[in-house]
């Protein structure tokens, strides 16, 4: 089920896992920025544009995860 940006994005951080591309995203609602973390790597310090194709694909086809799951990361297969 797609993850809606709407009101939730204005009120809370959202974490997304997109296993198909081995990537996770973190929406920081205070900074209003998106950060990316590829499996087996730390989070990028450079924000990703919210119109990024892969981010929007992850919103449509990925899974929402917890902040703890995001911090733990995923290992590469």
N, C-alpha and C. Protein backbone atom coordinates (compact mmCIF):
# COMPACT_ATOMS: atom_id res chain seq x y z
N UNK A 1 0.84 -1.17 0.00
CA UNK A 1 0.00 0.00 0.00
C UNK A 1 0.89 1.24 0.00
N UNK A 2 0.61 2.19 -0.85
CA UNK A 2 1.44 3.40 -0.92
C UNK A 2 1.47 4.16 0.41
N UNK A 3 2.58 4.82 0.64
CA UNK A 3 2.74 5.64 1.83
C UNK A 3 2.39 7.07 1.42
N UNK A 4 1.37 7.63 2.06
CA UNK A 4 0.89 8.96 1.72
C UNK A 4 1.76 10.04 2.36
N UNK A 5 2.13 11.04 1.61
CA UNK A 5 2.92 12.16 2.14
C UNK A 5 2.05 13.02 3.04
N UNK A 6 1.00 13.56 2.55
CA UNK A 6 0.01 14.36 3.24
C UNK A 6 0.33 14.88 4.63
N UNK A 7 -0.66 14.81 5.47
CA UNK A 7 -0.60 15.37 6.81
C UNK A 7 0.44 14.70 7.70
N UNK A 8 0.63 13.42 7.57
CA UNK A 8 1.62 12.70 8.40
C UNK A 8 3.02 13.26 8.20
N UNK A 9 3.36 13.61 6.99
CA UNK A 9 4.69 14.14 6.71
C UNK A 9 4.89 15.50 7.39
N UNK A 10 3.83 16.21 7.67
CA UNK A 10 3.93 17.49 8.35
C UNK A 10 4.09 17.32 9.86
N UNK A 11 3.70 16.16 10.38
CA UNK A 11 3.65 15.97 11.83
C UNK A 11 4.68 15.01 12.41
N UNK A 12 5.26 14.14 11.58
CA UNK A 12 6.16 13.13 12.13
C UNK A 12 7.18 12.66 11.11
N UNK A 13 8.28 12.11 11.62
CA UNK A 13 9.26 11.48 10.76
C UNK A 13 8.68 10.17 10.23
N UNK A 14 9.05 9.82 9.01
CA UNK A 14 8.56 8.60 8.39
C UNK A 14 9.77 7.85 7.84
N UNK A 15 9.77 6.53 8.04
CA UNK A 15 10.89 5.68 7.62
C UNK A 15 10.35 4.65 6.63
N UNK A 16 11.08 4.47 5.54
CA UNK A 16 10.62 3.61 4.45
C UNK A 16 11.73 2.65 4.04
N UNK A 17 11.36 1.40 3.85
CA UNK A 17 12.28 0.38 3.35
C UNK A 17 11.79 -0.04 1.97
N UNK A 18 12.70 -0.08 1.03
CA UNK A 18 12.38 -0.50 -0.33
C UNK A 18 13.36 -1.60 -0.71
N UNK A 19 13.05 -2.84 -0.31
CA UNK A 19 13.98 -3.95 -0.51
C UNK A 19 14.33 -4.22 -1.98
N UNK A 20 13.41 -3.94 -2.89
CA UNK A 20 13.66 -4.19 -4.30
C UNK A 20 14.92 -3.48 -4.79
N UNK A 21 15.15 -2.27 -4.27
CA UNK A 21 16.33 -1.49 -4.66
C UNK A 21 17.38 -1.44 -3.54
N UNK A 22 17.14 -2.18 -2.44
CA UNK A 22 18.06 -2.24 -1.30
C UNK A 22 18.38 -0.84 -0.77
N UNK A 23 17.32 -0.12 -0.46
CA UNK A 23 17.46 1.26 0.01
C UNK A 23 16.39 1.57 1.06
N UNK A 24 16.75 2.48 1.96
CA UNK A 24 15.80 2.97 2.96
C UNK A 24 15.84 4.49 2.93
N UNK A 25 14.72 5.08 3.30
CA UNK A 25 14.62 6.54 3.34
C UNK A 25 14.09 6.99 4.70
N UNK A 26 14.50 8.21 5.07
CA UNK A 26 14.00 8.83 6.30
C UNK A 26 13.51 10.22 5.95
N UNK A 27 12.24 10.48 6.23
CA UNK A 27 11.68 11.82 6.07
C UNK A 27 11.80 12.51 7.42
N UNK A 28 12.52 13.62 7.46
CA UNK A 28 12.68 14.43 8.67
C UNK A 28 11.66 15.56 8.58
N UNK A 29 10.61 15.46 9.39
CA UNK A 29 9.52 16.43 9.28
C UNK A 29 9.89 17.82 9.79
N UNK A 30 10.86 17.92 10.69
CA UNK A 30 11.28 19.23 11.20
C UNK A 30 12.10 19.96 10.13
N UNK A 31 13.09 19.28 9.58
CA UNK A 31 13.93 19.88 8.53
C UNK A 31 13.25 19.86 7.17
N UNK A 32 12.19 19.06 7.05
CA UNK A 32 11.45 18.87 5.80
C UNK A 32 12.39 18.40 4.69
N UNK A 33 13.19 17.36 5.03
CA UNK A 33 14.15 16.81 4.09
C UNK A 33 14.10 15.29 4.11
N UNK A 34 14.54 14.71 3.00
CA UNK A 34 14.60 13.26 2.83
C UNK A 34 16.07 12.84 2.87
N UNK A 35 16.34 11.77 3.62
CA UNK A 35 17.70 11.21 3.67
C UNK A 35 17.64 9.76 3.23
N UNK A 36 18.72 9.31 2.61
CA UNK A 36 18.76 7.96 2.04
C UNK A 36 19.83 7.13 2.74
N UNK A 37 19.55 5.84 2.82
CA UNK A 37 20.51 4.89 3.37
C UNK A 37 20.43 3.61 2.55
N UNK A 38 21.49 3.32 1.81
CA UNK A 38 21.53 2.08 1.04
C UNK A 38 21.96 0.94 1.96
N UNK A 39 21.48 -0.24 1.68
CA UNK A 39 21.80 -1.40 2.50
C UNK A 39 23.32 -1.53 2.64
N UNK A 40 23.76 -1.78 3.86
CA UNK A 40 25.18 -1.98 4.13
C UNK A 40 25.99 -0.69 4.23
N UNK A 41 25.33 0.47 4.17
CA UNK A 41 26.02 1.76 4.22
C UNK A 41 25.35 2.67 5.24
N UNK A 42 26.10 3.66 5.73
CA UNK A 42 25.48 4.64 6.64
C UNK A 42 24.58 5.60 5.85
N UNK A 43 23.79 6.35 6.59
CA UNK A 43 22.91 7.34 5.96
C UNK A 43 23.74 8.42 5.28
N UNK A 44 23.31 8.84 4.12
CA UNK A 44 23.97 9.93 3.40
C UNK A 44 23.76 11.23 4.16
N UNK A 45 24.78 12.07 4.20
CA UNK A 45 24.63 13.35 4.88
C UNK A 45 23.98 14.40 3.98
N UNK A 46 23.90 14.10 2.69
CA UNK A 46 23.28 15.00 1.73
C UNK A 46 21.81 14.64 1.54
N UNK A 47 20.91 15.57 1.76
CA UNK A 47 19.48 15.27 1.55
C UNK A 47 19.18 14.93 0.10
N UNK A 48 18.14 14.17 -0.08
CA UNK A 48 17.65 13.78 -1.41
C UNK A 48 16.47 14.68 -1.74
N UNK A 49 16.37 15.19 -2.97
CA UNK A 49 15.20 16.00 -3.32
C UNK A 49 13.91 15.18 -3.17
N UNK A 50 12.87 15.79 -2.67
CA UNK A 50 11.61 15.05 -2.46
C UNK A 50 10.98 14.61 -3.77
N UNK A 51 11.40 15.16 -4.89
CA UNK A 51 10.89 14.73 -6.19
C UNK A 51 11.74 13.61 -6.81
N UNK A 52 12.73 13.11 -6.08
CA UNK A 52 13.60 12.03 -6.55
C UNK A 52 12.77 10.82 -6.97
N UNK A 53 13.03 10.28 -8.15
CA UNK A 53 12.25 9.16 -8.68
C UNK A 53 12.30 7.93 -7.78
N UNK A 54 13.49 7.57 -7.30
CA UNK A 54 13.60 6.37 -6.47
C UNK A 54 12.87 6.55 -5.14
N UNK A 55 12.95 7.73 -4.56
CA UNK A 55 12.22 8.00 -3.32
C UNK A 55 10.72 7.85 -3.53
N UNK A 56 10.21 8.41 -4.60
CA UNK A 56 8.77 8.32 -4.87
C UNK A 56 8.34 6.91 -5.23
N UNK A 57 9.22 6.16 -5.86
CA UNK A 57 8.96 4.74 -6.12
C UNK A 57 8.88 3.98 -4.79
N UNK A 58 9.79 4.31 -3.87
CA UNK A 58 9.78 3.67 -2.54
C UNK A 58 8.49 4.00 -1.79
N UNK A 59 7.98 5.21 -1.95
CA UNK A 59 6.71 5.57 -1.32
C UNK A 59 5.57 4.72 -1.88
N UNK A 60 5.61 4.43 -3.15
CA UNK A 60 4.54 3.65 -3.79
C UNK A 60 4.64 2.16 -3.50
N UNK A 61 5.87 1.63 -3.48
CA UNK A 61 6.01 0.18 -3.43
C UNK A 61 6.77 -0.34 -2.21
N UNK A 62 7.31 0.56 -1.39
CA UNK A 62 8.07 0.14 -0.21
C UNK A 62 7.18 -0.07 1.00
N UNK A 63 7.83 -0.33 2.12
CA UNK A 63 7.13 -0.60 3.37
C UNK A 63 7.56 0.42 4.41
N UNK A 64 6.61 0.88 5.20
CA UNK A 64 6.96 1.76 6.30
C UNK A 64 7.58 0.92 7.41
N UNK A 65 8.66 1.42 7.99
CA UNK A 65 9.37 0.72 9.06
C UNK A 65 9.51 1.66 10.25
N UNK A 66 10.03 1.14 11.35
CA UNK A 66 10.23 1.94 12.54
C UNK A 66 11.58 2.65 12.48
N UNK A 67 11.74 3.65 13.33
CA UNK A 67 13.03 4.35 13.39
C UNK A 67 14.13 3.39 13.82
N UNK A 68 13.80 2.46 14.70
CA UNK A 68 14.79 1.47 15.15
C UNK A 68 15.24 0.59 13.99
N UNK A 69 14.32 0.13 13.18
CA UNK A 69 14.67 -0.69 12.03
C UNK A 69 15.57 0.10 11.07
N UNK A 70 15.25 1.36 10.90
CA UNK A 70 16.06 2.21 10.01
C UNK A 70 17.47 2.35 10.56
N UNK A 71 17.58 2.64 11.85
CA UNK A 71 18.90 2.81 12.47
C UNK A 71 19.73 1.53 12.40
N UNK A 72 19.08 0.39 12.55
CA UNK A 72 19.80 -0.90 12.46
C UNK A 72 20.31 -1.15 11.06
N UNK A 73 19.56 -0.67 10.08
CA UNK A 73 19.95 -0.86 8.69
C UNK A 73 19.70 -2.28 8.21
N UNK A 74 20.02 -2.50 6.99
CA UNK A 74 19.90 -3.82 6.36
C UNK A 74 21.27 -4.17 5.81
N UNK A 75 21.61 -5.42 5.91
CA UNK A 75 22.87 -5.84 5.32
C UNK A 75 22.64 -6.24 3.87
N UNK A 76 23.67 -6.11 3.08
CA UNK A 76 23.56 -6.51 1.69
C UNK A 76 23.52 -8.03 1.63
N UNK A 77 22.73 -8.58 0.71
CA UNK A 77 22.64 -10.05 0.59
C UNK A 77 23.95 -10.66 0.15
